[in-house]
Amino acid sequence: MGVIHNIFREMKKNRVIENYEAKHRFIEPEIYKDLKSRKKCMKCKKKFSGRIPQVHHKVPVSKGGSNDKSNLLALCKKCHDVLDAEEGVGEKHR
């Protein structure tokens, strides 16, 4: 599970995170690895050319979206920024 999971567990324990429910779980390692291993952006279809893809939630977790593979996209930074702007999401969510 790793360091990040332990940080969130501590935050939950100390009530920093309220209503910590299943929808706030981390992306499963297998799904995350699959998304990060993609060679092309799932929106513009351009090759990543050495850059690491960014993971985008089609429906944000804050609006009831999940970390299921069906709700996730591997995008280039440009496409991710465009989608975030269209959805009114800022840099703070990353």
PDB file of N, CA and C in Angstrom:
ATOM      1  N   MET A   1       0.816  -1.196   0.000  1.00  0.00           N
ATOM      2  CA  MET A   1       0.000   0.000   0.000  1.00  0.00           C
ATOM      3  C   MET A   1       0.855   1.255   0.000  1.00  0.00           C
ATOM      4  N   GLY A   2       1.888   1.306   0.713  1.00  0.00           N
ATOM      5  CA  GLY A   2       2.850   2.375   0.558  1.00  0.00           C
ATOM      6  C   GLY A   2       2.690   3.568   1.477  1.00  0.00           C
ATOM      7  N   VAL A   3       3.591   4.497   1.261  1.00  0.00           N
ATOM      8  CA  VAL A   3       3.710   5.686   2.105  1.00  0.00           C
ATOM      9  C   VAL A   3       2.459   6.559   2.029  1.00  0.00           C
ATOM     10  N   ILE A   4       1.943   6.783   0.808  1.00  0.00           N
ATOM     11  CA  ILE A   4       0.782   7.656   0.660  1.00  0.00           C
ATOM     12  C   ILE A   4      -0.418   7.077   1.396  1.00  0.00           C
ATOM     13  N   HIS A   5      -0.608   5.771   1.274  1.00  0.00           N
ATOM     14  CA  HIS A   5      -1.718   5.136   1.983  1.00  0.00           C
ATOM     15  C   HIS A   5      -1.579   5.346   3.491  1.00  0.00           C
ATOM     16  N   ASN A   6      -0.366   5.211   4.000  1.00  0.00           N
ATOM     17  CA  ASN A   6      -0.135   5.406   5.435  1.00  0.00           C
ATOM     18  C   ASN A   6      -0.425   6.840   5.854  1.00  0.00           C
ATOM     19  N   ILE A   7      -0.095   7.804   5.002  1.00  0.00           N
ATOM     20  CA  ILE A   7      -0.370   9.217   5.315  1.00  0.00           C
ATOM     21  C   ILE A   7      -1.878   9.426   5.422  1.00  0.00           C
ATOM     22  N   PHE A   8      -2.629   8.904   4.445  1.00  0.00           N
ATOM     23  CA  PHE A   8      -4.077   9.068   4.486  1.00  0.00           C
ATOM     24  C   PHE A   8      -4.692   8.339   5.672  1.00  0.00           C
ATOM     25  N   ARG A   9      -4.138   7.184   6.018  1.00  0.00           N
ATOM     26  CA  ARG A   9      -4.644   6.459   7.180  1.00  0.00           C
ATOM     27  C   ARG A   9      -4.440   7.300   8.444  1.00  0.00           C
ATOM     28  N   GLU A  10      -3.287   7.944   8.566  1.00  0.00           N
ATOM     29  CA  GLU A  10      -3.024   8.821   9.711  1.00  0.00           C
ATOM     30  C   GLU A  10      -3.956  10.029   9.702  1.00  0.00           C
ATOM     31  N   MET A  11      -4.172  10.609   8.510  1.00  0.00           N
ATOM     32  CA  MET A  11      -5.069  11.758   8.400  1.00  0.00           C
ATOM     33  C   MET A  11      -6.486  11.361   8.817  1.00  0.00           C
ATOM     34  N   LYS A  12      -6.909  10.178   8.403  1.00  0.00           N
ATOM     35  CA  LYS A  12      -8.235   9.694   8.773  1.00  0.00           C
ATOM     36  C   LYS A  12      -8.314   9.491  10.282  1.00  0.00           C
ATOM     37  N   LYS A  13      -7.296   8.870  10.826  1.00  0.00           N
ATOM     38  CA  LYS A  13      -7.255   8.601  12.267  1.00  0.00           C
ATOM     39  C   LYS A  13      -7.330   9.897  13.061  1.00  0.00           C
ATOM     40  N   ASN A  14      -6.668  10.932  12.564  1.00  0.00           N
ATOM     41  CA  ASN A  14      -6.644  12.224  13.254  1.00  0.00           C
ATOM     42  C   ASN A  14      -7.795  13.138  12.837  1.00  0.00           C
ATOM     43  N   ARG A  15      -8.760  12.566  12.106  1.00  0.00           N
ATOM     44  CA  ARG A  15      -9.962  13.274  11.663  1.00  0.00           C
ATOM     45  C   ARG A  15      -9.667  14.464  10.754  1.00  0.00           C
ATOM     46  N   VAL A  16      -8.544  14.420  10.075  1.00  0.00           N
ATOM     47  CA  VAL A  16      -8.240  15.444   9.076  1.00  0.00           C
ATOM     48  C   VAL A  16      -9.133  15.227   7.867  1.00  0.00           C
ATOM     49  N   ILE A  17      -9.389  13.982   7.561  1.00  0.00           N
ATOM     50  CA  ILE A  17     -10.274  13.642   6.456  1.00  0.00           C
ATOM     51  C   ILE A  17     -11.598  13.172   7.038  1.00  0.00           C
ATOM     52  N   GLU A  18     -12.643  13.936   6.780  1.00  0.00           N
ATOM     53  CA  GLU A  18     -13.980  13.556   7.226  1.00  0.00           C
ATOM     54  C   GLU A  18     -14.638  12.706   6.144  1.00  0.00           C
ATOM     55  N   ASN A  19     -15.529  11.831   6.552  1.00  0.00           N
ATOM     56  CA  ASN A  19     -16.289  10.998   5.623  1.00  0.00           C
ATOM     57  C   ASN A  19     -15.394  10.233   4.655  1.00  0.00           C
ATOM     58  N   TYR A  20     -14.339   9.666   5.178  1.00  0.00           N
ATOM     59  CA  TYR A  20     -13.433   8.869   4.349  1.00  0.00           C
ATOM     60  C   TYR A  20     -14.140   7.576   3.994  1.00  0.00           C
ATOM     61  N   GLU A  21     -14.585   7.477   2.754  1.00  0.00           N
ATOM     62  CA  GLU A  21     -15.367   6.321   2.340  1.00  0.00           C
ATOM     63  C   GLU A  21     -14.657   5.585   1.213  1.00  0.00           C
ATOM     64  N   ALA A  22     -15.276   4.518   0.776  1.00  0.00           N
ATOM     65  CA  ALA A  22     -14.671   3.690  -0.268  1.00  0.00           C
ATOM     66  C   ALA A  22     -14.380   4.463  -1.538  1.00  0.00           C
ATOM     67  N   LYS A  23     -15.192   5.458  -1.878  1.00  0.00           N
ATOM     68  CA  LYS A  23     -14.965   6.197  -3.116  1.00  0.00           C
ATOM     69  C   LYS A  23     -13.673   7.007  -3.085  1.00  0.00           C
ATOM     70  N   HIS A  24     -13.079   7.200  -1.917  1.00  0.00           N
ATOM     71  CA  HIS A  24     -11.837   7.950  -1.806  1.00  0.00           C
ATOM     72  C   HIS A  24     -10.599   7.062  -1.810  1.00  0.00           C
ATOM     73  N   ARG A  25     -10.810   5.763  -2.018  1.00  0.00           N
ATOM     74  CA  ARG A  25      -9.678   4.855  -2.049  1.00  0.00           C
ATOM     75  C   ARG A  25      -8.748   5.197  -3.196  1.00  0.00           C
ATOM     76  N   PHE A  26      -7.557   4.714  -3.088  1.00  0.00           N
ATOM     77  CA  PHE A  26      -6.574   4.947  -4.134  1.00  0.00           C
ATOM     78  C   PHE A  26      -6.884   4.109  -5.363  1.00  0.00           C
ATOM     79  N   ILE A  27      -6.353   4.553  -6.477  1.00  0.00           N
ATOM     80  CA  ILE A  27      -6.466   3.779  -7.698  1.00  0.00           C
ATOM     81  C   ILE A  27      -5.691   2.485  -7.483  1.00  0.00           C
ATOM     82  N   GLU A  28      -6.299   1.374  -7.831  1.00  0.00           N
ATOM     83  CA  GLU A  28      -5.648   0.077  -7.657  1.00  0.00           C
ATOM     84  C   GLU A  28      -4.317   0.076  -8.408  1.00  0.00           C
ATOM     85  N   PRO A  29      -3.273  -0.476  -7.803  1.00  0.00           N
ATOM     86  CA  PRO A  29      -1.945  -0.462  -8.432  1.00  0.00           C
ATOM     87  C   PRO A  29      -1.931  -1.023  -9.853  1.00  0.00           C
ATOM     88  N   GLU A  30      -2.709  -2.080 -10.114  1.00  0.00           N
ATOM     89  CA  GLU A  30      -2.720  -2.669 -11.453  1.00  0.00           C
ATOM     90  C   GLU A  30      -3.309  -1.708 -12.479  1.00  0.00           C
ATOM     91  N   ILE A  31      -4.384  -1.009 -12.095  1.00  0.00           N
ATOM     92  CA  ILE A  31      -5.019  -0.041 -12.995  1.00  0.00           C
ATOM     93  C   ILE A  31      -4.086   1.131 -13.236  1.00  0.00           C
ATOM     94  N   TYR A  32      -3.476   1.623 -12.152  1.00  0.00           N
ATOM     95  CA  TYR A  32      -2.553   2.752 -12.260  1.00  0.00           C
ATOM     96  C   TYR A  32      -1.373   2.398 -13.170  1.00  0.00           C
ATOM     97  N   LYS A  33      -0.832   1.220 -12.989  1.00  0.00           N
ATOM     98  CA  LYS A  33       0.303   0.773 -13.805  1.00  0.00           C
ATOM     99  C   LYS A  33      -0.103   0.681 -15.271  1.00  0.00           C
ATOM    100  N   ASP A  34      -1.289   0.149 -15.542  1.00  0.00           N
ATOM    101  CA  ASP A  34      -1.785   0.046 -16.914  1.00  0.00           C
ATOM    102  C   ASP A  34      -1.926   1.431 -17.546  1.00  0.00           C
ATOM    103  N   LEU A  35      -2.519   2.373 -16.824  1.00  0.00           N
ATOM    104  CA  LEU A  35      -2.696   3.729 -17.358  1.00  0.00           C
ATOM    105  C   LEU A  35      -1.356   4.398 -17.626  1.00  0.00           C
ATOM    106  N   LYS A  36      -0.419   4.260 -16.694  1.00  0.00           N
ATOM    107  CA  LYS A  36       0.885   4.909 -16.838  1.00  0.00           C
ATOM    108  C   LYS A  36       1.750   4.257 -17.916  1.00  0.00           C
ATOM    109  N   SER A  37       1.432   3.020 -18.299  1.00  0.00           N
ATOM    110  CA  SER A  37       2.241   2.327 -19.307  1.00  0.00           C
ATOM    111  C   SER A  37       1.759   2.606 -20.743  1.00  0.00           C
ATOM    112  N   ARG A  38       0.677   3.322 -20.879  1.00  0.00           N
ATOM    113  CA  ARG A  38       0.159   3.611 -22.216  1.00  0.00           C
ATOM    114  C   ARG A  38       1.131   4.471 -23.007  1.00  0.00           C
ATOM    115  N   LYS A  39       1.122   4.286 -24.307  1.00  0.00           N
ATOM    116  CA  LYS A  39       2.049   4.993 -25.189  1.00  0.00           C
ATOM    117  C   LYS A  39       1.437   6.225 -25.838  1.00  0.00           C
ATOM    118  N   LYS A  40       0.078   6.298 -25.842  1.00  0.00           N
ATOM    119  CA  LYS A  40      -0.611   7.414 -26.490  1.00  0.00           C
ATOM    120  C   LYS A  40      -1.679   7.997 -25.575  1.00  0.00           C
ATOM    121  N   CYS A  41      -1.907   9.298 -25.745  1.00  0.00           N
ATOM    122  CA  CYS A  41      -2.975   9.989 -25.030  1.00  0.00           C
ATOM    123  C   CYS A  41      -4.313   9.399 -25.472  1.00  0.00           C
ATOM    124  N   MET A  42      -5.196   9.139 -24.522  1.00  0.00           N
ATOM    125  CA  MET A  42      -6.484   8.533 -24.836  1.00  0.00           C
ATOM    126  C   MET A  42      -7.468   9.538 -25.443  1.00  0.00           C
ATOM    127  N   LYS A  43      -7.094  10.820 -25.487  1.00  0.00           N
ATOM    128  CA  LYS A  43      -7.957  11.834 -26.097  1.00  0.00           C
ATOM    129  C   LYS A  43      -7.444  12.227 -27.482  1.00  0.00           C
ATOM    130  N   CYS A  44      -6.227  12.755 -27.575  1.00  0.00           N
ATOM    131  CA  CYS A  44      -5.701  13.249 -28.856  1.00  0.00           C
ATOM    132  C   CYS A  44      -4.951  12.170 -29.642  1.00  0.00           C
ATOM    133  N   LYS A  45      -4.652  11.056 -28.990  1.00  0.00           N
ATOM    134  CA  LYS A  45      -3.970   9.904 -29.609  1.00  0.00           C
ATOM    135  C   LYS A  45      -2.503  10.164 -29.971  1.00  0.00           C
ATOM    136  N   LYS A  46      -1.940  11.277 -29.502  1.00  0.00           N
ATOM    137  CA  LYS A  46      -0.523  11.553 -29.761  1.00  0.00           C
ATOM    138  C   LYS A  46       0.338  10.731 -28.820  1.00  0.00           C
ATOM    139  N   LYS A  47       1.532  10.353 -29.293  1.00  0.00           N
ATOM    140  CA  LYS A  47       2.471   9.598 -28.461  1.00  0.00           C
ATOM    141  C   LYS A  47       2.947  10.469 -27.309  1.00  0.00           C
ATOM    142  N   PHE A  48       3.189   9.833 -26.183  1.00  0.00           N
ATOM    143  CA  PHE A  48       3.674  10.555 -25.008  1.00  0.00           C
ATOM    144  C   PHE A  48       5.139  10.953 -25.142  1.00  0.00           C
ATOM    145  N   SER A  49       5.876  10.309 -26.009  1.00  0.00           N
ATOM    146  CA  SER A  49       7.293  10.608 -26.284  1.00  0.00           C
ATOM    147  C   SER A  49       8.118  10.853 -25.022  1.00  0.00           C
ATOM    148  N   GLY A  50       8.136   9.858 -24.155  1.00  0.00           N
ATOM    149  CA  GLY A  50       8.972   9.932 -22.962  1.00  0.00           C
ATOM    150  C   GLY A  50       8.313  10.584 -21.768  1.00  0.00           C
ATOM    151  N   ARG A  51       7.229  11.295 -21.970  1.00  0.00           N
ATOM    152  CA  ARG A  51       6.540  11.938 -20.855  1.00  0.00           C
ATOM    153  C   ARG A  51       5.603  10.936 -20.195  1.00  0.00           C
ATOM    154  N   ILE A  52       5.396  11.099 -18.914  1.00  0.00           N
ATOM    155  CA  ILE A  52       4.508  10.214 -18.163  1.00  0.00           C
ATOM    156  C   ILE A  52       3.082  10.739 -18.307  1.00  0.00           C
ATOM    157  N   PRO A  53       2.139   9.874 -18.679  1.00  0.00           N
ATOM    158  CA  PRO A  53       0.749  10.323 -18.808  1.00  0.00           C
ATOM    159  C   PRO A  53       0.151  10.732 -17.465  1.00  0.00           C
ATOM    160  N   GLN A  54      -0.820  11.615 -17.527  1.00  0.00           N
ATOM    161  CA  GLN A  54      -1.540  12.040 -16.340  1.00  0.00           C
ATOM    162  C   GLN A  54      -2.863  11.289 -16.283  1.00  0.00           C
ATOM    163  N   VAL A  55      -3.298  10.944 -15.085  1.00  0.00           N
ATOM    164  CA  VAL A  55      -4.545  10.204 -14.906  1.00  0.00           C
ATOM    165  C   VAL A  55      -5.675  11.203 -14.650  1.00  0.00           C
ATOM    166  N   HIS A  56      -6.734  11.073 -15.443  1.00  0.00           N
ATOM    167  CA  HIS A  56      -7.886  11.968 -15.346  1.00  0.00           C
ATOM    168  C   HIS A  56      -9.136  11.163 -15.011  1.00  0.00           C
ATOM    169  N   HIS A  57      -9.930  11.666 -14.075  1.00  0.00           N
ATOM    170  CA  HIS A  57     -11.222  11.056 -13.740  1.00  0.00           C
ATOM    171  C   HIS A  57     -12.282  11.672 -14.652  1.00  0.00           C
ATOM    172  N   LYS A  58     -13.006  10.841 -15.402  1.00  0.00           N
ATOM    173  CA  LYS A  58     -14.092  11.347 -16.244  1.00  0.00           C
ATOM    174  C   LYS A  58     -15.126  12.047 -15.368  1.00  0.00           C
ATOM    175  N   VAL A  59     -15.514  11.386 -14.301  1.00  0.00           N
ATOM    176  CA  VAL A  59     -16.391  11.977 -13.285  1.00  0.00           C
ATOM    177  C   VAL A  59     -15.533  12.134 -12.039  1.00  0.00           C
ATOM    178  N   PRO A  60     -15.271  13.382 -11.602  1.00  0.00           N
ATOM    179  CA  PRO A  60     -14.415  13.587 -10.432  1.00  0.00           C
ATOM    180  C   PRO A  60     -14.922  12.855  -9.194  1.00  0.00           C
ATOM    181  N   VAL A  61     -13.994  12.399  -8.381  1.00  0.00           N
ATOM    182  CA  VAL A  61     -14.348  11.721  -7.127  1.00  0.00           C
ATOM    183  C   VAL A  61     -15.223  12.634  -6.279  1.00  0.00           C
ATOM    184  N   SER A  62     -14.939  13.940  -6.306  1.00  0.00           N
ATOM    185  CA  SER A  62     -15.717  14.896  -5.516  1.00  0.00           C
ATOM    186  C   SER A  62     -17.171  14.982  -5.965  1.00  0.00           C
ATOM    187  N   LYS A  63     -17.459  14.497  -7.190  1.00  0.00           N
ATOM    188  CA  LYS A  63     -18.828  14.521  -7.706  1.00  0.00           C
ATOM    189  C   LYS A  63     -19.403  13.108  -7.813  1.00  0.00           C
ATOM    190  N   GLY A  64     -18.836  12.184  -7.045  1.00  0.00           N
ATOM    191  CA  GLY A  64     -19.362  10.829  -6.998  1.00  0.00           C
ATOM    192  C   GLY A  64     -18.673   9.836  -7.914  1.00  0.00           C
ATOM    193  N   GLY A  65     -17.639  10.279  -8.634  1.00  0.00           N
ATOM    194  CA  GLY A  65     -16.902   9.373  -9.501  1.00  0.00           C
ATOM    195  C   GLY A  65     -16.066   8.391  -8.709  1.00  0.00           C
ATOM    196  N   SER A  66     -15.656   7.334  -9.385  1.00  0.00           N
ATOM    197  CA  SER A  66     -14.891   6.291  -8.709  1.00  0.00           C
ATOM    198  C   SER A  66     -13.487   6.200  -9.295  1.00  0.00           C
ATOM    199  N   ASN A  67     -12.700   5.322  -8.729  1.00  0.00           N
ATOM    200  CA  ASN A  67     -11.360   5.029  -9.242  1.00  0.00           C
ATOM    201  C   ASN A  67     -11.373   3.772 -10.097  1.00  0.00           C
ATOM    202  N   ASP A  68     -12.544   3.382 -10.590  1.00  0.00           N
ATOM    203  CA  ASP A  68     -12.646   2.237 -11.488  1.00  0.00           C
ATOM    204  C   ASP A  68     -11.996   2.579 -12.821  1.00  0.00           C
ATOM    205  N   LYS A  69     -11.484   1.569 -13.487  1.00  0.00           N
ATOM    206  CA  LYS A  69     -10.815   1.759 -14.776  1.00  0.00           C
ATOM    207  C   LYS A  69     -11.733   2.465 -15.778  1.00  0.00           C
ATOM    208  N   SER A  70     -13.019   2.190 -15.721  1.00  0.00           N
ATOM    209  CA  SER A  70     -13.967   2.790 -16.656  1.00  0.00           C
ATOM    210  C   SER A  70     -14.127   4.295 -16.465  1.00  0.00           C
ATOM    211  N   ASN A  71     -13.681   4.823 -15.335  1.00  0.00           N
ATOM    212  CA  ASN A  71     -13.790   6.256 -15.052  1.00  0.00           C
ATOM    213  C   ASN A  71     -12.452   6.984 -15.203  1.00  0.00           C
ATOM    214  N   LEU A  72     -11.428   6.299 -15.676  1.00  0.00           N
ATOM    215  CA  LEU A  72     -10.093   6.889 -15.729  1.00  0.00           C
ATOM    216  C   LEU A  72      -9.571   6.962 -17.160  1.00  0.00           C
ATOM    217  N   LEU A  73      -8.810   8.031 -17.429  1.00  0.00           N
ATOM    218  CA  LEU A  73      -8.155   8.224 -18.719  1.00  0.00           C
ATOM    219  C   LEU A  73      -6.687   8.537 -18.502  1.00  0.00           C
ATOM    220  N   ALA A  74      -5.837   8.048 -19.400  1.00  0.00           N
ATOM    221  CA  ALA A  74      -4.419   8.417 -19.415  1.00  0.00           C
ATOM    222  C   ALA A  74      -4.276   9.507 -20.474  1.00  0.00           C
ATOM    223  N   LEU A  75      -3.928  10.717 -20.039  1.00  0.00           N
ATOM    224  CA  LEU A  75      -3.895  11.866 -20.937  1.00  0.00           C
ATOM    225  C   LEU A  75      -2.542  12.557 -20.930  1.00  0.00           C
ATOM    226  N   CYS A  76      -2.263  13.268 -22.033  1.00  0.00           N
ATOM    227  CA  CYS A  76      -1.102  14.158 -22.050  1.00  0.00           C
ATOM    228  C   CYS A  76      -1.468  15.388 -21.215  1.00  0.00           C
ATOM    229  N   LYS A  77      -0.488  16.142 -20.807  1.00  0.00           N
ATOM    230  CA  LYS A  77      -0.733  17.314 -19.956  1.00  0.00           C
ATOM    231  C   LYS A  77      -1.680  18.302 -20.632  1.00  0.00           C
ATOM    232  N   LYS A  78      -1.482  18.532 -21.937  1.00  0.00           N
ATOM    233  CA  LYS A  78      -2.315  19.494 -22.658  1.00  0.00           C
ATOM    234  C   LYS A  78      -3.792  19.088 -22.616  1.00  0.00           C
ATOM    235  N   CYS A  79      -4.084  17.846 -22.958  1.00  0.00           N
ATOM    236  CA  CYS A  79      -5.474  17.374 -22.935  1.00  0.00           C
ATOM    237  C   CYS A  79      -6.039  17.380 -21.518  1.00  0.00           C
ATOM    238  N   HIS A  80      -5.212  17.016 -20.548  1.00  0.00           N
ATOM    239  CA  HIS A  80      -5.673  17.015 -19.156  1.00  0.00           C
ATOM    240  C   HIS A  80      -6.027  18.429 -18.716  1.00  0.00           C
ATOM    241  N   ASP A  81      -5.179  19.387 -19.057  1.00  0.00           N
ATOM    242  CA  ASP A  81      -5.445  20.786 -18.700  1.00  0.00           C
ATOM    243  C   ASP A  81      -6.725  21.295 -19.361  1.00  0.00           C
ATOM    244  N   VAL A  82      -6.934  20.925 -20.633  1.00  0.00           N
ATOM    245  CA  VAL A  82      -8.138  21.360 -21.355  1.00  0.00           C
ATOM    246  C   VAL A  82      -9.384  20.779 -20.689  1.00  0.00           C
ATOM    247  N   LEU A  83      -9.376  19.488 -20.399  1.00  0.00           N
ATOM    248  CA  LEU A  83     -10.535  18.868 -19.751  1.00  0.00           C
ATOM    249  C   LEU A  83     -10.804  19.462 -18.373  1.00  0.00           C
ATOM    250  N   ASP A  84      -9.744  19.698 -17.621  1.00  0.00           N
ATOM    251  CA  ASP A  84      -9.909  20.302 -16.296  1.00  0.00           C
ATOM    252  C   ASP A  84     -10.512  21.698 -16.406  1.00  0.00           C
ATOM    253  N   ALA A  85     -10.052  22.478 -17.387  1.00  0.00           N
ATOM    254  CA  ALA A  85     -10.579  23.834 -17.578  1.00  0.00           C
ATOM    255  C   ALA A  85     -12.058  23.784 -17.954  1.00  0.00           C
ATOM    256  N   GLU A  86     -12.413  22.842 -18.823  1.00  0.00           N
ATOM    257  CA  GLU A  86     -13.812  22.685 -19.223  1.00  0.00           C
ATOM    258  C   GLU A  86     -14.693  22.297 -18.043  1.00  0.00           C
ATOM    259  N   GLU A  87     -14.134  21.544 -17.120  1.00  0.00           N
ATOM    260  CA  GLU A  87     -14.882  21.076 -15.950  1.00  0.00           C
ATOM    261  C   GLU A  87     -14.778  22.038 -14.771  1.00  0.00           C
ATOM    262  N   GLY A  88     -13.970  23.081 -14.934  1.00  0.00           N
ATOM    263  CA  GLY A  88     -13.812  24.054 -13.847  1.00  0.00           C
ATOM    264  C   GLY A  88     -12.961  23.542 -12.703  1.00  0.00           C
ATOM    265  N   VAL A  89     -12.041  22.634 -13.017  1.00  0.00           N
ATOM    266  CA  VAL A  89     -11.165  22.059 -11.995  1.00  0.00           C
ATOM    267  C   VAL A  89      -9.801  22.723 -12.113  1.00  0.00           C
ATOM    268  N   GLY A  90      -9.239  23.142 -10.990  1.00  0.00           N
ATOM    269  CA  GLY A  90      -7.924  23.787 -11.001  1.00  0.00           C
ATOM    270  C   GLY A  90      -6.799  22.842 -10.676  1.00  0.00           C
ATOM    271  N   GLU A  91      -5.601  23.382 -10.611  1.00  0.00           N
ATOM    272  CA  GLU A  91      -4.396  22.599 -10.289  1.00  0.00           C
ATOM    273  C   GLU A  91      -4.478  22.007  -8.885  1.00  0.00           C
ATOM    274  N   LYS A  92      -5.303  22.563  -8.018  1.00  0.00           N
ATOM    275  CA  LYS A  92      -5.342  22.125  -6.622  1.00  0.00           C
ATOM    276  C   LYS A  92      -5.710  20.659  -6.466  1.00  0.00           C
ATOM    277  N   HIS A  93      -6.446  20.089  -7.419  1.00  0.00           N
ATOM    278  CA  HIS A  93      -6.915  18.713  -7.237  1.00  0.00           C
ATOM    279  C   HIS A  93      -5.843  17.683  -7.507  1.00  0.00           C
ATOM    280  N   ARG A  94      -4.720  18.054  -8.076  1.00  0.00           N
ATOM    281  CA  ARG A  94      -3.690  17.066  -8.429  1.00  0.00           C
ATOM    282  C   ARG A  94      -2.737  16.834  -7.304  1.00  0.00           C
TER     283      ARG A  94
END
